Amino acid sequence: MKKMFVLMFGVFLLVGCAKKEGPYGGHSGEWYKNHPTQSCKQKKWCSNHLTDRSDLTAENCESASVACLNSSD
């Protein structure tokens, strides 16, 4: 049982470290609209990591980019 717990903990740890979605990745478009400062930081992170994008990251980057651009209107 203890070995199983240690194994599961290790797997979750590795999965968490493998996610590279930026400082504010994983939020909805609505969240980005309500947090313009964080959206712009996420947009900047996305600009610096263009070659390192999964579909989920690309969706987050698009939402953050739109929210950041709209906040400066």
C-alpha atoms as a PDB file:
ATOM      1  CA  MET A   1       0.000   0.000   0.000  1.00  0.00           C
ATOM      2  CA  LYS A   2       2.800   2.405   0.907  1.00  0.00           C
ATOM      3  CA  LYS A   3       4.613   1.673  -2.364  1.00  0.00           C
ATOM      4  CA  MET A   4       1.429   2.371  -4.313  1.00  0.00           C
ATOM      5  CA  PHE A   5       1.022   5.718  -2.545  1.00  0.00           C
ATOM      6  CA  VAL A   6       4.623   6.702  -3.291  1.00  0.00           C
ATOM      7  CA  LEU A   7       4.217   5.662  -6.926  1.00  0.00           C
ATOM      8  CA  MET A   8       0.991   7.644  -7.344  1.00  0.00           C
ATOM      9  CA  PHE A   9       2.547  10.697  -5.683  1.00  0.00           C
ATOM     10  CA  GLY A  10       5.495  10.495  -8.078  1.00  0.00           C
ATOM     11  CA  VAL A  11       3.213  10.232 -11.101  1.00  0.00           C
ATOM     12  CA  PHE A  12       1.154  13.245 -10.033  1.00  0.00           C
ATOM     13  CA  LEU A  13       4.310  15.218  -9.347  1.00  0.00           C
ATOM     14  CA  LEU A  14       5.694  14.483 -12.804  1.00  0.00           C
ATOM     15  CA  VAL A  15       2.405  15.278 -14.503  1.00  0.00           C
ATOM     16  CA  GLY A  16       2.245  18.620 -12.720  1.00  0.00           C
ATOM     17  CA  CYS A  17       5.788  19.489 -13.723  1.00  0.00           C
ATOM     18  CA  ALA A  18       5.167  18.513 -17.337  1.00  0.00           C
ATOM     19  CA  LYS A  19       2.415  21.093 -17.789  1.00  0.00           C
ATOM     20  CA  LYS A  20       3.793  24.226 -19.340  1.00  0.00           C
ATOM     21  CA  GLU A  21       0.885  26.580 -19.759  1.00  0.00           C
ATOM     22  CA  GLY A  22       2.455  29.751 -18.457  1.00  0.00           C
ATOM     23  CA  PRO A  23       2.086  31.651 -15.216  1.00  0.00           C
ATOM     24  CA  TYR A  24      -1.699  31.881 -15.482  1.00  0.00           C
ATOM     25  CA  GLY A  25      -2.493  28.963 -17.778  1.00  0.00           C
ATOM     26  CA  GLY A  26      -5.528  26.755 -17.444  1.00  0.00           C
ATOM     27  CA  HIS A  27      -8.123  29.469 -16.931  1.00  0.00           C
ATOM     28  CA  SER A  28     -11.267  30.169 -18.926  1.00  0.00           C
ATOM     29  CA  GLY A  29     -11.668  33.063 -21.327  1.00  0.00           C
ATOM     30  CA  GLU A  30     -13.989  34.688 -18.807  1.00  0.00           C
ATOM     31  CA  TRP A  31     -11.280  34.542 -16.133  1.00  0.00           C
ATOM     32  CA  TYR A  32      -8.807  36.267 -18.456  1.00  0.00           C
ATOM     33  CA  LYS A  33     -11.395  39.003 -19.186  1.00  0.00           C
ATOM     34  CA  ASN A  34     -11.754  39.650 -15.461  1.00  0.00           C
ATOM     35  CA  HIS A  35      -7.986  39.645 -14.803  1.00  0.00           C
ATOM     36  CA  PRO A  36      -6.385  41.942 -17.406  1.00  0.00           C
ATOM     37  CA  THR A  37      -3.010  42.247 -15.670  1.00  0.00           C
ATOM     38  CA  GLN A  38      -2.584  38.482 -15.478  1.00  0.00           C
ATOM     39  CA  SER A  39      -3.860  38.136 -19.056  1.00  0.00           C
ATOM     40  CA  CYS A  40      -1.135  40.424 -20.338  1.00  0.00           C
ATOM     41  CA  LYS A  41       1.508  38.509 -18.370  1.00  0.00           C
ATOM     42  CA  GLN A  42       0.193  35.263 -19.849  1.00  0.00           C
ATOM     43  CA  LYS A  43       0.236  36.814 -23.345  1.00  0.00           C
ATOM     44  CA  LYS A  44       3.877  37.830 -22.865  1.00  0.00           C
ATOM     45  CA  TRP A  45       4.774  34.314 -21.678  1.00  0.00           C
ATOM     46  CA  CYS A  46       3.039  32.862 -24.737  1.00  0.00           C
ATOM     47  CA  SER A  47       4.996  35.158 -27.054  1.00  0.00           C
ATOM     48  CA  ASN A  48       8.248  33.821 -25.603  1.00  0.00           C
ATOM     49  CA  HIS A  49       7.214  30.152 -25.855  1.00  0.00           C
ATOM     50  CA  LEU A  50       5.703  29.863 -29.329  1.00  0.00           C
ATOM     51  CA  THR A  51       7.471  26.613 -30.186  1.00  0.00           C
ATOM     52  CA  ASP A  52       6.460  24.923 -26.926  1.00  0.00           C
ATOM     53  CA  ARG A  53       2.656  24.885 -27.295  1.00  0.00           C
ATOM     54  CA  SER A  54       0.111  22.151 -26.938  1.00  0.00           C
ATOM     55  CA  ASP A  55      -3.505  22.578 -28.032  1.00  0.00           C
ATOM     56  CA  LEU A  56      -4.491  23.455 -24.471  1.00  0.00           C
ATOM     57  CA  THR A  57      -1.703  26.004 -24.167  1.00  0.00           C
ATOM     58  CA  ALA A  58      -2.610  27.535 -27.529  1.00  0.00           C
ATOM     59  CA  GLU A  59      -6.217  27.943 -26.354  1.00  0.00           C
ATOM     60  CA  ASN A  60      -5.053  29.617 -23.129  1.00  0.00           C
ATOM     61  CA  CYS A  61      -2.716  31.877 -25.063  1.00  0.00           C
ATOM     62  CA  GLU A  62      -5.466  32.917 -27.453  1.00  0.00           C
ATOM     63  CA  SER A  63      -7.874  33.700 -24.597  1.00  0.00           C
ATOM     64  CA  ALA A  64      -5.220  35.672 -22.721  1.00  0.00           C
ATOM     65  CA  SER A  65      -4.199  37.563 -25.835  1.00  0.00           C
ATOM     66  CA  VAL A  66      -7.763  38.596 -26.672  1.00  0.00           C
ATOM     67  CA  ALA A  67      -8.437  39.666 -23.079  1.00  0.00           C
ATOM     68  CA  CYS A  68      -5.203  41.640 -22.882  1.00  0.00           C
ATOM     69  CA  LEU A  69      -5.881  43.455 -26.150  1.00  0.00           C
ATOM     70  CA  ASN A  70      -9.449  44.247 -25.110  1.00  0.00           C
ATOM     71  CA  SER A  71      -8.317  45.608 -21.749  1.00  0.00           C
ATOM     72  CA  SER A  72      -6.215  48.287 -23.409  1.00  0.00           C
ATOM     73  CA  ASP A  73      -9.183  49.747 -25.309  1.00  0.00           C
END
